[in-house]
Amino acid sequence: MDFETIATIIADQFDMDIDRLSENTDIQEDLNATSMDIVELIVTIESTTDIKIPDEAVDSIRTIGDVVNYLLDHAEE
């Protein structure tokens, strides 16, 4: 899983230009994501990657880079 894939998902969900996103983009702060937005994002990422992201992990994911790193760390489980 790479940044480009996750950034594309996020840009589509938040209807924004992918060029405005970076690994340091804070999902809640920079994108003004509500808790419902985050739930929808996690569901989309899980269905795209076939990697389950448990609620405990979601609480520690703040940036797009955090999402990418989590997926890379759990890709082979």
N, C-alpha and C. Protein backbone atom coordinates (compact mmCIF):
# COMPACT_ATOMS: atom_id res chain seq x y z
N MET A 1 0.84 -1.17 0.00
CA MET A 1 0.00 0.00 0.00
C MET A 1 0.89 1.23 0.00
N ASP A 2 0.55 2.19 -0.82
CA ASP A 2 1.39 3.37 -0.91
C ASP A 2 0.59 4.65 -0.68
N PHE A 3 1.32 5.73 -0.54
CA PHE A 3 0.71 7.03 -0.28
C PHE A 3 -0.28 7.40 -1.38
N GLU A 4 0.11 7.20 -2.62
CA GLU A 4 -0.73 7.59 -3.76
C GLU A 4 -2.11 6.93 -3.70
N THR A 5 -2.15 5.66 -3.37
CA THR A 5 -3.43 4.94 -3.29
C THR A 5 -4.31 5.52 -2.20
N ILE A 6 -3.74 5.70 -1.02
CA ILE A 6 -4.52 6.23 0.11
C ILE A 6 -4.92 7.68 -0.16
N ALA A 7 -4.01 8.47 -0.70
CA ALA A 7 -4.33 9.87 -1.01
C ALA A 7 -5.46 9.96 -2.04
N THR A 8 -5.47 9.06 -2.99
CA THR A 8 -6.55 9.03 -3.99
C THR A 8 -7.89 8.74 -3.33
N ILE A 9 -7.91 7.77 -2.43
CA ILE A 9 -9.15 7.43 -1.70
C ILE A 9 -9.63 8.64 -0.91
N ILE A 10 -8.71 9.29 -0.20
CA ILE A 10 -9.07 10.44 0.63
C ILE A 10 -9.52 11.62 -0.23
N ALA A 11 -8.81 11.89 -1.31
CA ALA A 11 -9.20 12.98 -2.20
C ALA A 11 -10.59 12.75 -2.77
N ASP A 12 -10.89 11.52 -3.15
CA ASP A 12 -12.23 11.19 -3.66
C ASP A 12 -13.29 11.39 -2.58
N GLN A 13 -13.02 10.88 -1.39
CA GLN A 13 -14.02 10.95 -0.32
C GLN A 13 -14.28 12.39 0.11
N PHE A 14 -13.24 13.20 0.16
CA PHE A 14 -13.39 14.57 0.62
C PHE A 14 -13.53 15.57 -0.52
N ASP A 15 -13.65 15.06 -1.74
CA ASP A 15 -13.87 15.86 -2.94
C ASP A 15 -12.85 17.02 -3.01
N MET A 16 -11.59 16.64 -3.03
CA MET A 16 -10.54 17.64 -3.08
C MET A 16 -9.43 17.22 -4.02
N ASP A 17 -8.56 18.15 -4.32
CA ASP A 17 -7.43 17.92 -5.21
C ASP A 17 -6.36 17.12 -4.47
N ILE A 18 -5.92 16.02 -5.05
CA ILE A 18 -4.92 15.16 -4.43
C ILE A 18 -3.61 15.91 -4.18
N ASP A 19 -3.33 16.94 -4.95
CA ASP A 19 -2.09 17.70 -4.79
C ASP A 19 -2.06 18.48 -3.47
N ARG A 20 -3.19 18.63 -2.82
CA ARG A 20 -3.25 19.33 -1.52
C ARG A 20 -2.92 18.41 -0.36
N LEU A 21 -2.74 17.12 -0.63
CA LEU A 21 -2.49 16.14 0.42
C LEU A 21 -1.02 15.77 0.51
N SER A 22 -0.58 15.50 1.74
CA SER A 22 0.78 15.02 1.96
C SER A 22 0.71 13.96 3.07
N GLU A 23 1.82 13.32 3.33
CA GLU A 23 1.84 12.33 4.40
C GLU A 23 1.58 12.96 5.75
N ASN A 24 1.82 14.26 5.88
CA ASN A 24 1.61 14.96 7.14
C ASN A 24 0.23 15.56 7.28
N THR A 25 -0.62 15.39 6.28
CA THR A 25 -1.98 15.92 6.36
C THR A 25 -2.72 15.24 7.50
N ASP A 26 -3.20 16.05 8.46
CA ASP A 26 -3.96 15.54 9.59
C ASP A 26 -5.41 15.37 9.15
N ILE A 27 -5.92 14.17 9.26
CA ILE A 27 -7.24 13.86 8.72
C ILE A 27 -8.33 14.68 9.40
N GLN A 28 -8.27 14.79 10.72
CA GLN A 28 -9.31 15.55 11.42
C GLN A 28 -9.08 17.05 11.30
N GLU A 29 -7.87 17.49 11.59
CA GLU A 29 -7.57 18.93 11.63
C GLU A 29 -7.57 19.56 10.24
N ASP A 30 -6.80 19.01 9.33
CA ASP A 30 -6.63 19.63 8.01
C ASP A 30 -7.82 19.39 7.08
N LEU A 31 -8.48 18.25 7.24
CA LEU A 31 -9.60 17.92 6.34
C LEU A 31 -10.96 18.16 6.98
N ASN A 32 -10.94 18.60 8.24
CA ASN A 32 -12.18 18.83 8.98
C ASN A 32 -13.09 17.61 8.98
N ALA A 33 -12.49 16.45 9.13
CA ALA A 33 -13.23 15.19 9.09
C ALA A 33 -14.03 15.00 10.38
N THR A 34 -15.27 14.65 10.22
CA THR A 34 -16.11 14.31 11.36
C THR A 34 -15.88 12.84 11.71
N SER A 35 -16.41 12.40 12.82
CA SER A 35 -16.27 10.99 13.18
C SER A 35 -16.93 10.10 12.13
N MET A 36 -18.03 10.55 11.55
CA MET A 36 -18.69 9.78 10.49
C MET A 36 -17.82 9.72 9.24
N ASP A 37 -17.16 10.82 8.91
CA ASP A 37 -16.23 10.83 7.77
C ASP A 37 -15.13 9.80 7.98
N ILE A 38 -14.61 9.73 9.19
CA ILE A 38 -13.52 8.80 9.49
C ILE A 38 -14.00 7.36 9.39
N VAL A 39 -15.20 7.09 9.89
CA VAL A 39 -15.76 5.73 9.78
C VAL A 39 -15.89 5.34 8.31
N GLU A 40 -16.43 6.24 7.50
CA GLU A 40 -16.59 5.96 6.07
C GLU A 40 -15.23 5.75 5.40
N LEU A 41 -14.25 6.56 5.78
CA LEU A 41 -12.92 6.42 5.22
C LEU A 41 -12.31 5.07 5.57
N ILE A 42 -12.42 4.66 6.82
CA ILE A 42 -11.87 3.37 7.25
C ILE A 42 -12.55 2.23 6.51
N VAL A 43 -13.86 2.29 6.36
CA VAL A 43 -14.59 1.24 5.63
C VAL A 43 -14.10 1.17 4.19
N THR A 44 -13.92 2.32 3.55
CA THR A 44 -13.44 2.35 2.17
C THR A 44 -12.03 1.78 2.07
N ILE A 45 -11.16 2.18 2.99
CA ILE A 45 -9.78 1.67 2.97
C ILE A 45 -9.76 0.17 3.21
N GLU A 46 -10.55 -0.30 4.16
CA GLU A 46 -10.60 -1.74 4.44
C GLU A 46 -11.09 -2.53 3.23
N SER A 47 -12.11 -2.02 2.55
CA SER A 47 -12.63 -2.76 1.40
C SER A 47 -11.67 -2.70 0.21
N THR A 48 -10.89 -1.64 0.11
CA THR A 48 -9.93 -1.51 -0.97
C THR A 48 -8.69 -2.36 -0.74
N THR A 49 -8.25 -2.45 0.53
CA THR A 49 -6.98 -3.11 0.84
C THR A 49 -7.14 -4.51 1.42
N ASP A 50 -8.34 -4.88 1.83
CA ASP A 50 -8.58 -6.16 2.52
C ASP A 50 -7.80 -6.25 3.83
N ILE A 51 -7.49 -5.12 4.43
CA ILE A 51 -6.82 -5.08 5.72
C ILE A 51 -7.77 -4.47 6.73
N LYS A 52 -8.05 -5.19 7.80
CA LYS A 52 -8.95 -4.72 8.85
C LYS A 52 -8.20 -3.74 9.75
N ILE A 53 -8.83 -2.61 10.03
CA ILE A 53 -8.26 -1.62 10.93
C ILE A 53 -9.15 -1.58 12.17
N PRO A 54 -8.70 -2.16 13.28
CA PRO A 54 -9.53 -2.20 14.49
C PRO A 54 -9.71 -0.80 15.10
N ASP A 55 -10.78 -0.65 15.87
CA ASP A 55 -11.08 0.64 16.49
C ASP A 55 -9.91 1.19 17.30
N GLU A 56 -9.19 0.31 18.00
CA GLU A 56 -8.06 0.75 18.81
C GLU A 56 -6.99 1.40 17.94
N ALA A 57 -6.80 0.88 16.74
CA ALA A 57 -5.79 1.44 15.83
C ALA A 57 -6.26 2.77 15.25
N VAL A 58 -7.55 2.87 14.99
CA VAL A 58 -8.10 4.10 14.42
C VAL A 58 -7.81 5.28 15.34
N ASP A 59 -7.90 5.05 16.65
CA ASP A 59 -7.66 6.12 17.62
C ASP A 59 -6.25 6.69 17.54
N SER A 60 -5.29 5.91 17.08
CA SER A 60 -3.91 6.38 17.01
C SER A 60 -3.51 6.88 15.62
N ILE A 61 -4.40 6.78 14.67
CA ILE A 61 -4.12 7.23 13.31
C ILE A 61 -4.58 8.68 13.17
N ARG A 62 -3.64 9.58 12.91
CA ARG A 62 -3.97 11.00 12.78
C ARG A 62 -3.74 11.52 11.36
N THR A 63 -2.64 11.08 10.75
CA THR A 63 -2.25 11.63 9.45
C THR A 63 -2.39 10.57 8.34
N ILE A 64 -2.29 11.04 7.12
CA ILE A 64 -2.31 10.11 5.99
C ILE A 64 -1.10 9.17 6.08
N GLY A 65 0.03 9.70 6.51
CA GLY A 65 1.21 8.86 6.70
C GLY A 65 0.98 7.77 7.72
N ASP A 66 0.22 8.08 8.78
CA ASP A 66 -0.12 7.07 9.79
C ASP A 66 -0.93 5.94 9.16
N VAL A 67 -1.86 6.29 8.28
CA VAL A 67 -2.67 5.27 7.60
C VAL A 67 -1.77 4.37 6.76
N VAL A 68 -0.93 4.99 5.96
CA VAL A 68 -0.02 4.23 5.08
C VAL A 68 0.87 3.31 5.90
N ASN A 69 1.46 3.84 6.96
CA ASN A 69 2.35 3.04 7.81
C ASN A 69 1.61 1.88 8.46
N TYR A 70 0.39 2.12 8.94
CA TYR A 70 -0.40 1.05 9.55
C TYR A 70 -0.63 -0.06 8.52
N LEU A 71 -1.03 0.33 7.32
CA LEU A 71 -1.32 -0.67 6.29
C LEU A 71 -0.07 -1.44 5.88
N LEU A 72 1.05 -0.75 5.77
CA LEU A 72 2.30 -1.43 5.44
C LEU A 72 2.69 -2.41 6.55
N ASP A 73 2.52 -2.00 7.79
CA ASP A 73 2.88 -2.87 8.93
C ASP A 73 1.98 -4.09 9.05
N HIS A 74 0.74 -3.98 8.55
CA HIS A 74 -0.23 -5.07 8.73
C HIS A 74 -0.63 -5.76 7.43
N ALA A 75 0.09 -5.50 6.37
CA ALA A 75 -0.26 -6.03 5.06
C ALA A 75 -0.15 -7.55 4.97
N GLU A 76 0.70 -8.14 5.75
CA GLU A 76 0.93 -9.59 5.62
C GLU A 76 0.25 -10.40 6.71
N GLU A 77 -0.54 -9.76 7.55
CA GLU A 77 -1.21 -10.50 8.63
C GLU A 77 -2.43 -11.22 8.11
